[in-house]
Amino acid sequence: MTTPGGPPDIDPGLARERTQLAWTRTAISFAAVGGVVLKKEVIPGLILLCLAPAIWAVGRRAYQRPDRLKIVTGTIVAVSLIALVVAFTA
């Protein structure tokens, strides 16, 4: 995508694909950690398992439209805070 008066986009499409793959990997990681935590603590494990599809969906939707950077930023902050709470309570 090029902006008026700006430099041309050198990597059209590939950067978005890599970002979507990164969100998918993050969701898979949360699911894996949730499964491990679920063996010891039920509630934190279920929270992490429920976050995995939400992370995937928000990341996928946010990068389909480039004007949704605020959604991505808010999601990252929220996921980080939830992960910190789970880490300190488990």
PDB file of N, CA and C in Angstrom:
ATOM      1  N   MET A   1       0.847  -1.164   0.000  1.00  0.00           N
ATOM      2  CA  MET A   1       0.000   0.000   0.000  1.00  0.00           C
ATOM      3  C   MET A   1       0.896   1.230   0.000  1.00  0.00           C
ATOM      4  N   THR A   2       0.665   2.143  -0.886  1.00  0.00           N
ATOM      5  CA  THR A   2       1.453   3.363  -0.949  1.00  0.00           C
ATOM      6  C   THR A   2       0.646   4.520  -0.391  1.00  0.00           C
ATOM      7  N   THR A   3       1.354   5.461   0.182  1.00  0.00           N
ATOM      8  CA  THR A   3       0.701   6.656   0.696  1.00  0.00           C
ATOM      9  C   THR A   3       0.973   7.798  -0.267  1.00  0.00           C
ATOM     10  N   PRO A   4       0.061   8.729  -0.388  1.00  0.00           N
ATOM     11  CA  PRO A   4       0.290   9.849  -1.298  1.00  0.00           C
ATOM     12  C   PRO A   4       1.497  10.663  -0.858  1.00  0.00           C
ATOM     13  N   GLY A   5       2.420  10.849  -1.764  1.00  0.00           N
ATOM     14  CA  GLY A   5       3.619  11.619  -1.479  1.00  0.00           C
ATOM     15  C   GLY A   5       4.681  10.845  -0.713  1.00  0.00           C
ATOM     16  N   GLY A   6       4.409   9.604  -0.381  1.00  0.00           N
ATOM     17  CA  GLY A   6       5.361   8.810   0.386  1.00  0.00           C
ATOM     18  C   GLY A   6       6.113   7.844  -0.505  1.00  0.00           C
ATOM     19  N   PRO A   7       7.066   7.132   0.073  1.00  0.00           N
ATOM     20  CA  PRO A   7       7.816   6.159  -0.721  1.00  0.00           C
ATOM     21  C   PRO A   7       6.944   4.974  -1.102  1.00  0.00           C
ATOM     22  N   PRO A   8       7.231   4.321  -2.214  1.00  0.00           N
ATOM     23  CA  PRO A   8       6.436   3.150  -2.616  1.00  0.00           C
ATOM     24  C   PRO A   8       6.656   1.993  -1.649  1.00  0.00           C
ATOM     25  N   ASP A   9       5.650   1.154  -1.547  1.00  0.00           N
ATOM     26  CA  ASP A   9       5.728  -0.015  -0.667  1.00  0.00           C
ATOM     27  C   ASP A   9       6.628  -1.060  -1.317  1.00  0.00           C
ATOM     28  N   ILE A  10       7.737  -1.383  -0.663  1.00  0.00           N
ATOM     29  CA  ILE A  10       8.715  -2.324  -1.214  1.00  0.00           C
ATOM     30  C   ILE A  10       8.249  -3.769  -1.034  1.00  0.00           C
ATOM     31  N   ASP A  11       7.513  -4.023   0.017  1.00  0.00           N
ATOM     32  CA  ASP A  11       7.132  -5.383   0.380  1.00  0.00           C
ATOM     33  C   ASP A  11       5.612  -5.514   0.468  1.00  0.00           C
ATOM     34  N   PRO A  12       4.905  -5.353  -0.650  1.00  0.00           N
ATOM     35  CA  PRO A  12       3.449  -5.391  -0.559  1.00  0.00           C
ATOM     36  C   PRO A  12       2.933  -6.795  -0.257  1.00  0.00           C
ATOM     37  N   GLY A  13       2.154  -6.907   0.783  1.00  0.00           N
ATOM     38  CA  GLY A  13       1.519  -8.181   1.097  1.00  0.00           C
ATOM     39  C   GLY A  13       2.318  -9.107   1.983  1.00  0.00           C
ATOM     40  N   LEU A  14       3.601  -9.161   1.835  1.00  0.00           N
ATOM     41  CA  LEU A  14       4.386 -10.125   2.599  1.00  0.00           C
ATOM     42  C   LEU A  14       4.516  -9.738   4.066  1.00  0.00           C
ATOM     43  N   ALA A  15       4.642  -8.456   4.354  1.00  0.00           N
ATOM     44  CA  ALA A  15       4.752  -8.029   5.743  1.00  0.00           C
ATOM     45  C   ALA A  15       3.474  -8.368   6.504  1.00  0.00           C
ATOM     46  N   ARG A  16       2.340  -8.161   5.881  1.00  0.00           N
ATOM     47  CA  ARG A  16       1.074  -8.506   6.530  1.00  0.00           C
ATOM     48  C   ARG A  16       0.965 -10.003   6.767  1.00  0.00           C
ATOM     49  N   GLU A  17       1.402 -10.778   5.801  1.00  0.00           N
ATOM     50  CA  GLU A  17       1.342 -12.230   5.965  1.00  0.00           C
ATOM     51  C   GLU A  17       2.234 -12.685   7.119  1.00  0.00           C
ATOM     52  N   ARG A  18       3.422 -12.117   7.217  1.00  0.00           N
ATOM     53  CA  ARG A  18       4.313 -12.472   8.323  1.00  0.00           C
ATOM     54  C   ARG A  18       3.711 -12.060   9.660  1.00  0.00           C
ATOM     55  N   THR A  19       3.052 -10.918   9.698  1.00  0.00           N
ATOM     56  CA  THR A  19       2.430 -10.455  10.935  1.00  0.00           C
ATOM     57  C   THR A  19       1.280 -11.367  11.330  1.00  0.00           C
ATOM     58  N   GLN A  20       0.478 -11.781  10.361  1.00  0.00           N
ATOM     59  CA  GLN A  20      -0.613 -12.709  10.670  1.00  0.00           C
ATOM     60  C   GLN A  20      -0.067 -14.044  11.178  1.00  0.00           C
ATOM     61  N   LEU A  21       1.026 -14.495  10.597  1.00  0.00           N
ATOM     62  CA  LEU A  21       1.640 -15.731  11.077  1.00  0.00           C
ATOM     63  C   LEU A  21       2.165 -15.562  12.503  1.00  0.00           C
ATOM     64  N   ALA A  22       2.687 -14.389  12.819  1.00  0.00           N
ATOM     65  CA  ALA A  22       3.171 -14.125  14.174  1.00  0.00           C
ATOM     66  C   ALA A  22       2.025 -14.151  15.180  1.00  0.00           C
ATOM     67  N   TRP A  23       0.876 -13.581  14.810  1.00  0.00           N
ATOM     68  CA  TRP A  23      -0.285 -13.636  15.695  1.00  0.00           C
ATOM     69  C   TRP A  23      -0.756 -15.074  15.874  1.00  0.00           C
ATOM     70  N   THR A  24      -0.706 -15.862  14.813  1.00  0.00           N
ATOM     71  CA  THR A  24      -1.094 -17.271  14.920  1.00  0.00           C
ATOM     72  C   THR A  24      -0.158 -18.018  15.851  1.00  0.00           C
ATOM     73  N   ARG A  25       1.147 -17.770  15.719  1.00  0.00           N
ATOM     74  CA  ARG A  25       2.113 -18.416  16.619  1.00  0.00           C
ATOM     75  C   ARG A  25       1.893 -17.996  18.062  1.00  0.00           C
ATOM     76  N   THR A  26       1.559 -16.735  18.276  1.00  0.00           N
ATOM     77  CA  THR A  26       1.294 -16.264  19.635  1.00  0.00           C
ATOM     78  C   THR A  26       0.078 -16.961  20.222  1.00  0.00           C
ATOM     79  N   ALA A  27      -0.970 -17.119  19.429  1.00  0.00           N
ATOM     80  CA  ALA A  27      -2.173 -17.810  19.906  1.00  0.00           C
ATOM     81  C   ALA A  27      -1.879 -19.272  20.221  1.00  0.00           C
ATOM     82  N   ILE A  28      -1.091 -19.922  19.386  1.00  0.00           N
ATOM     83  CA  ILE A  28      -0.713 -21.321  19.642  1.00  0.00           C
ATOM     84  C   ILE A  28       0.119 -21.419  20.912  1.00  0.00           C
ATOM     85  N   SER A  29       0.998 -20.457  21.119  1.00  0.00           N
ATOM     86  CA  SER A  29       1.817 -20.448  22.335  1.00  0.00           C
ATOM     87  C   SER A  29       0.949 -20.295  23.580  1.00  0.00           C
ATOM     88  N   PHE A  30      -0.036 -19.392  23.510  1.00  0.00           N
ATOM     89  CA  PHE A  30      -0.931 -19.231  24.655  1.00  0.00           C
ATOM     90  C   PHE A  30      -1.716 -20.512  24.911  1.00  0.00           C
ATOM     91  N   ALA A  31      -2.140 -21.192  23.862  1.00  0.00           N
ATOM     92  CA  ALA A  31      -2.867 -22.449  24.039  1.00  0.00           C
ATOM     93  C   ALA A  31      -1.966 -23.511  24.673  1.00  0.00           C
ATOM     94  N   ALA A  32      -0.718 -23.576  24.242  1.00  0.00           N
ATOM     95  CA  ALA A  32       0.213 -24.557  24.797  1.00  0.00           C
ATOM     96  C   ALA A  32       0.515 -24.262  26.266  1.00  0.00           C
ATOM     97  N   VAL A  33       0.768 -23.008  26.574  1.00  0.00           N
ATOM     98  CA  VAL A  33       1.039 -22.638  27.969  1.00  0.00           C
ATOM     99  C   VAL A  33      -0.216 -22.857  28.815  1.00  0.00           C
ATOM    100  N   GLY A  34      -1.379 -22.544  28.248  1.00  0.00           N
ATOM    101  CA  GLY A  34      -2.624 -22.795  28.968  1.00  0.00           C
ATOM    102  C   GLY A  34      -2.816 -24.267  29.283  1.00  0.00           C
ATOM    103  N   GLY A  35      -2.450 -25.133  28.346  1.00  0.00           N
ATOM    104  CA  GLY A  35      -2.544 -26.576  28.587  1.00  0.00           C
ATOM    105  C   GLY A  35      -1.610 -27.037  29.691  1.00  0.00           C
ATOM    106  N   VAL A  36      -0.419 -26.479  29.724  1.00  0.00           N
ATOM    107  CA  VAL A  36       0.550 -26.843  30.771  1.00  0.00           C
ATOM    108  C   VAL A  36       0.079 -26.326  32.126  1.00  0.00           C
ATOM    109  N   VAL A  37      -0.375 -25.072  32.162  1.00  0.00           N
ATOM    110  CA  VAL A  37      -0.841 -24.488  33.416  1.00  0.00           C
ATOM    111  C   VAL A  37      -2.100 -25.200  33.898  1.00  0.00           C
ATOM    112  N   LEU A  38      -2.926 -25.670  32.966  1.00  0.00           N
ATOM    113  CA  LEU A  38      -4.170 -26.359  33.314  1.00  0.00           C
ATOM    114  C   LEU A  38      -3.910 -27.619  34.131  1.00  0.00           C
ATOM    115  N   LYS A  39      -2.768 -28.248  33.944  1.00  0.00           N
ATOM    116  CA  LYS A  39      -2.443 -29.453  34.708  1.00  0.00           C
ATOM    117  C   LYS A  39      -2.262 -29.154  36.193  1.00  0.00           C
ATOM    118  N   LYS A  40      -1.772 -27.950  36.524  1.00  0.00           N
ATOM    119  CA  LYS A  40      -1.538 -27.604  37.929  1.00  0.00           C
ATOM    120  C   LYS A  40      -2.657 -26.746  38.502  1.00  0.00           C
ATOM    121  N   GLU A  41      -3.059 -25.728  37.761  1.00  0.00           N
ATOM    122  CA  GLU A  41      -4.075 -24.779  38.222  1.00  0.00           C
ATOM    123  C   GLU A  41      -5.171 -24.678  37.161  1.00  0.00           C
ATOM    124  N   VAL A  42      -6.396 -24.940  37.541  1.00  0.00           N
ATOM    125  CA  VAL A  42      -7.488 -25.007  36.575  1.00  0.00           C
ATOM    126  C   VAL A  42      -7.887 -23.615  36.058  1.00  0.00           C
ATOM    127  N   ILE A  43      -8.128 -22.667  36.957  1.00  0.00           N
ATOM    128  CA  ILE A  43      -8.653 -21.358  36.543  1.00  0.00           C
ATOM    129  C   ILE A  43      -7.656 -20.596  35.668  1.00  0.00           C
ATOM    130  N   PRO A  44      -6.396 -20.424  36.073  1.00  0.00           N
ATOM    131  CA  PRO A  44      -5.451 -19.723  35.179  1.00  0.00           C
ATOM    132  C   PRO A  44      -5.264 -20.448  33.844  1.00  0.00           C
ATOM    133  N   GLY A  45      -5.286 -21.770  33.863  1.00  0.00           N
ATOM    134  CA  GLY A  45      -5.149 -22.529  32.622  1.00  0.00           C
ATOM    135  C   GLY A  45      -6.318 -22.298  31.678  1.00  0.00           C
ATOM    136  N   LEU A  46      -7.529 -22.261  32.234  1.00  0.00           N
ATOM    137  CA  LEU A  46      -8.702 -21.996  31.403  1.00  0.00           C
ATOM    138  C   LEU A  46      -8.691 -20.572  30.847  1.00  0.00           C
ATOM    139  N   ILE A  47      -8.209 -19.622  31.656  1.00  0.00           N
ATOM    140  CA  ILE A  47      -8.101 -18.236  31.173  1.00  0.00           C
ATOM    141  C   ILE A  47      -7.164 -18.181  29.975  1.00  0.00           C
ATOM    142  N   LEU A  48      -6.018 -18.822  30.089  1.00  0.00           N
ATOM    143  CA  LEU A  48      -5.061 -18.812  28.978  1.00  0.00           C
ATOM    144  C   LEU A  48      -5.615 -19.529  27.756  1.00  0.00           C
ATOM    145  N   LEU A  49      -6.310 -20.629  27.965  1.00  0.00           N
ATOM    146  CA  LEU A  49      -6.897 -21.351  26.839  1.00  0.00           C
ATOM    147  C   LEU A  49      -7.996 -20.528  26.156  1.00  0.00           C
ATOM    148  N   CYS A  50      -8.739 -19.770  26.923  1.00  0.00           N
ATOM    149  CA  CYS A  50      -9.786 -18.921  26.331  1.00  0.00           C
ATOM    150  C   CYS A  50      -9.197 -17.713  25.613  1.00  0.00           C
ATOM    151  N   LEU A  51      -8.023 -17.290  26.024  1.00  0.00           N
ATOM    152  CA  LEU A  51      -7.390 -16.146  25.368  1.00  0.00           C
ATOM    153  C   LEU A  51      -6.834 -16.505  23.996  1.00  0.00           C
ATOM    154  N   ALA A  52      -6.464 -17.746  23.784  1.00  0.00           N
ATOM    155  CA  ALA A  52      -5.811 -18.134  22.527  1.00  0.00           C
ATOM    156  C   ALA A  52      -6.670 -17.821  21.296  1.00  0.00           C
ATOM    157  N   PRO A  53      -7.924 -18.240  21.224  1.00  0.00           N
ATOM    158  CA  PRO A  53      -8.698 -17.885  20.028  1.00  0.00           C
ATOM    159  C   PRO A  53      -8.986 -16.394  19.927  1.00  0.00           C
ATOM    160  N   ALA A  54      -9.119 -15.724  21.060  1.00  0.00           N
ATOM    161  CA  ALA A  54      -9.355 -14.278  21.028  1.00  0.00           C
ATOM    162  C   ALA A  54      -8.140 -13.545  20.461  1.00  0.00           C
ATOM    163  N   ILE A  55      -6.960 -13.962  20.861  1.00  0.00           N
ATOM    164  CA  ILE A  55      -5.729 -13.353  20.342  1.00  0.00           C
ATOM    165  C   ILE A  55      -5.644 -13.573  18.839  1.00  0.00           C
ATOM    166  N   TRP A  56      -5.922 -14.779  18.408  1.00  0.00           N
ATOM    167  CA  TRP A  56      -5.849 -15.078  16.979  1.00  0.00           C
ATOM    168  C   TRP A  56      -6.844 -14.227  16.191  1.00  0.00           C
ATOM    169  N   ALA A  57      -8.076 -14.140  16.680  1.00  0.00           N
ATOM    170  CA  ALA A  57      -9.121 -13.409  15.951  1.00  0.00           C
ATOM    171  C   ALA A  57      -8.825 -11.909  15.880  1.00  0.00           C
ATOM    172  N   VAL A  58      -8.404 -11.325  16.990  1.00  0.00           N
ATOM    173  CA  VAL A  58      -8.122  -9.891  16.990  1.00  0.00           C
ATOM    174  C   VAL A  58      -6.914  -9.584  16.110  1.00  0.00           C
ATOM    175  N   GLY A  59      -5.893 -10.382  16.212  1.00  0.00           N
ATOM    176  CA  GLY A  59      -4.714 -10.159  15.370  1.00  0.00           C
ATOM    177  C   GLY A  59      -5.016 -10.306  13.896  1.00  0.00           C
ATOM    178  N   ARG A  60      -5.823 -11.257  13.556  1.00  0.00           N
ATOM    179  CA  ARG A  60      -6.180 -11.474  12.143  1.00  0.00           C
ATOM    180  C   ARG A  60      -7.040 -10.341  11.598  1.00  0.00           C
ATOM    181  N   ARG A  61      -8.000  -9.904  12.370  1.00  0.00           N
ATOM    182  CA  ARG A  61      -8.878  -8.825  11.913  1.00  0.00           C
ATOM    183  C   ARG A  61      -8.180  -7.480  11.870  1.00  0.00           C
ATOM    184  N   ALA A  62      -7.308  -7.241  12.804  1.00  0.00           N
ATOM    185  CA  ALA A  62      -6.652  -5.934  12.869  1.00  0.00           C
ATOM    186  C   ALA A  62      -5.747  -5.706  11.671  1.00  0.00           C
ATOM    187  N   TYR A  63      -5.128  -6.752  11.170  1.00  0.00           N
ATOM    188  CA  TYR A  63      -4.211  -6.561  10.048  1.00  0.00           C
ATOM    189  C   TYR A  63      -4.872  -6.721   8.689  1.00  0.00           C
ATOM    190  N   GLN A  64      -6.148  -6.992   8.661  1.00  0.00           N
ATOM    191  CA  GLN A  64      -6.860  -6.950   7.395  1.00  0.00           C
ATOM    192  C   GLN A  64      -7.137  -5.508   7.009  1.00  0.00           C
ATOM    193  N   ARG A  65      -7.204  -4.631   7.989  1.00  0.00           N
ATOM    194  CA  ARG A  65      -7.405  -3.201   7.752  1.00  0.00           C
ATOM    195  C   ARG A  65      -6.312  -2.444   8.489  1.00  0.00           C
ATOM    196  N   PRO A  66      -5.447  -1.739   7.778  1.00  0.00           N
ATOM    197  CA  PRO A  66      -4.307  -1.088   8.417  1.00  0.00           C
ATOM    198  C   PRO A  66      -4.662   0.023   9.393  1.00  0.00           C
ATOM    199  N   ASP A  67      -5.887   0.531   9.365  1.00  0.00           N
ATOM    200  CA  ASP A  67      -6.264   1.612  10.268  1.00  0.00           C
ATOM    201  C   ASP A  67      -6.607   1.110  11.673  1.00  0.00           C
ATOM    202  N   ARG A  68      -6.431  -0.143  11.933  1.00  0.00           N
ATOM    203  CA  ARG A  68      -6.783  -0.709  13.237  1.00  0.00           C
ATOM    204  C   ARG A  68      -5.571  -0.939  14.132  1.00  0.00           C
ATOM    205  N   LEU A  69      -4.586  -0.106  14.019  1.00  0.00           N
ATOM    206  CA  LEU A  69      -3.379  -0.258  14.837  1.00  0.00           C
ATOM    207  C   LEU A  69      -3.684  -0.074  16.319  1.00  0.00           C
ATOM    208  N   LYS A  70      -4.654   0.753  16.637  1.00  0.00           N
ATOM    209  CA  LYS A  70      -5.017   0.953  18.038  1.00  0.00           C
ATOM    210  C   LYS A  70      -5.574  -0.331  18.653  1.00  0.00           C
ATOM    211  N   ILE A  71      -6.298  -1.109  17.875  1.00  0.00           N
ATOM    212  CA  ILE A  71      -6.827  -2.382  18.372  1.00  0.00           C
ATOM    213  C   ILE A  71      -5.679  -3.328  18.695  1.00  0.00           C
ATOM    214  N   VAL A  72      -4.697  -3.370  17.820  1.00  0.00           N
ATOM    215  CA  VAL A  72      -3.547  -4.248  18.041  1.00  0.00           C
ATOM    216  C   VAL A  72      -2.786  -3.813  19.286  1.00  0.00           C
ATOM    217  N   THR A  73      -2.564  -2.520  19.425  1.00  0.00           N
ATOM    218  CA  THR A  73      -1.838  -2.014  20.587  1.00  0.00           C
ATOM    219  C   THR A  73      -2.594  -2.325  21.874  1.00  0.00           C
ATOM    220  N   GLY A  74      -3.895  -2.094  21.874  1.00  0.00           N
ATOM    221  CA  GLY A  74      -4.696  -2.413  23.053  1.00  0.00           C
ATOM    222  C   GLY A  74      -4.696  -3.892  23.377  1.00  0.00           C
ATOM    223  N   THR A  75      -4.727  -4.716  22.346  1.00  0.00           N
ATOM    224  CA  THR A  75      -4.699  -6.162  22.549  1.00  0.00           C
ATOM    225  C   THR A  75      -3.381  -6.604  23.168  1.00  0.00           C
ATOM    226  N   ILE A  76      -2.291  -6.065  22.676  1.00  0.00           N
ATOM    227  CA  ILE A  76      -0.978  -6.428  23.215  1.00  0.00           C
ATOM    228  C   ILE A  76      -0.877  -6.037  24.687  1.00  0.00           C
ATOM    229  N   VAL A  77      -1.335  -4.846  25.015  1.00  0.00           N
ATOM    230  CA  VAL A  77      -1.290  -4.392  26.410  1.00  0.00           C
ATOM    231  C   VAL A  77      -2.176  -5.274  27.283  1.00  0.00           C
ATOM    232  N   ALA A  78      -3.394  -5.573  26.821  1.00  0.00           N
ATOM    233  CA  ALA A  78      -4.313  -6.397  27.606  1.00  0.00           C
ATOM    234  C   ALA A  78      -3.775  -7.810  27.810  1.00  0.00           C
ATOM    235  N   VAL A  79      -3.250  -8.403  26.770  1.00  0.00           N
ATOM    236  CA  VAL A  79      -2.701  -9.757  26.881  1.00  0.00           C
ATOM    237  C   VAL A  79      -1.501  -9.776  27.824  1.00  0.00           C
ATOM    238  N   SER A  80      -0.677  -8.760  27.745  1.00  0.00           N
ATOM    239  CA  SER A  80       0.482  -8.681  28.640  1.00  0.00           C
ATOM    240  C   SER A  80       0.046  -8.567  30.097  1.00  0.00           C
ATOM    241  N   LEU A  81      -0.948  -7.730  30.357  1.00  0.00           N
ATOM    242  CA  LEU A  81      -1.438  -7.589  31.728  1.00  0.00           C
ATOM    243  C   LEU A  81      -2.060  -8.877  32.248  1.00  0.00           C
ATOM    244  N   ILE A  82      -2.832  -9.550  31.420  1.00  0.00           N
ATOM    245  CA  ILE A  82      -3.440 -10.818  31.835  1.00  0.00           C
ATOM    246  C   ILE A  82      -2.366 -11.867  32.093  1.00  0.00           C
ATOM    247  N   ALA A  83      -1.347 -11.897  31.242  1.00  0.00           N
ATOM    248  CA  ALA A  83      -0.259 -12.853  31.435  1.00  0.00           C
ATOM    249  C   ALA A  83       0.485 -12.573  32.749  1.00  0.00           C
ATOM    250  N   LEU A  84       0.677 -11.298  33.064  1.00  0.00           N
ATOM    251  CA  LEU A  84       1.333 -10.953  34.334  1.00  0.00           C
ATOM    252  C   LEU A  84       0.476 -11.388  35.536  1.00  0.00           C
ATOM    253  N   VAL A  85      -0.814 -11.155  35.453  1.00  0.00           N
ATOM    254  CA  VAL A  85      -1.695 -11.561  36.563  1.00  0.00           C
ATOM    255  C   VAL A  85      -1.660 -13.066  36.723  1.00  0.00           C
ATOM    256  N   VAL A  86      -1.739 -13.793  35.621  1.00  0.00           N
ATOM    257  CA  VAL A  86      -1.711 -15.252  35.703  1.00  0.00           C
ATOM    258  C   VAL A  86      -0.365 -15.739  36.250  1.00  0.00           C
ATOM    259  N   ALA A  87       0.715 -15.097  35.820  1.00  0.00           N
ATOM    260  CA  ALA A  87       2.055 -15.513  36.278  1.00  0.00           C
ATOM    261  C   ALA A  87       2.218 -15.304  37.790  1.00  0.00           C
ATOM    262  N   PHE A  88       1.664 -14.207  38.295  1.00  0.00           N
ATOM    263  CA  PHE A  88       1.835 -13.942  39.724  1.00  0.00           C
ATOM    264  C   PHE A  88       0.844 -14.662  40.601  1.00  0.00           C
ATOM    265  N   THR A  89      -0.270 -15.139  40.045  1.00  0.00           N
ATOM    266  CA  THR A  89      -1.241 -15.869  40.845  1.00  0.00           C
ATOM    267  C   THR A  89      -1.042 -17.378  40.786  1.00  0.00           C
ATOM    268  N   ALA A  90      -0.366 -17.852  39.776  1.00  0.00           N
ATOM    269  CA  ALA A  90      -0.199 -19.309  39.643  1.00  0.00           C
ATOM    270  C   ALA A  90       0.904 -19.828  40.533  1.00  0.00           C
TER     271      ALA A  90
END
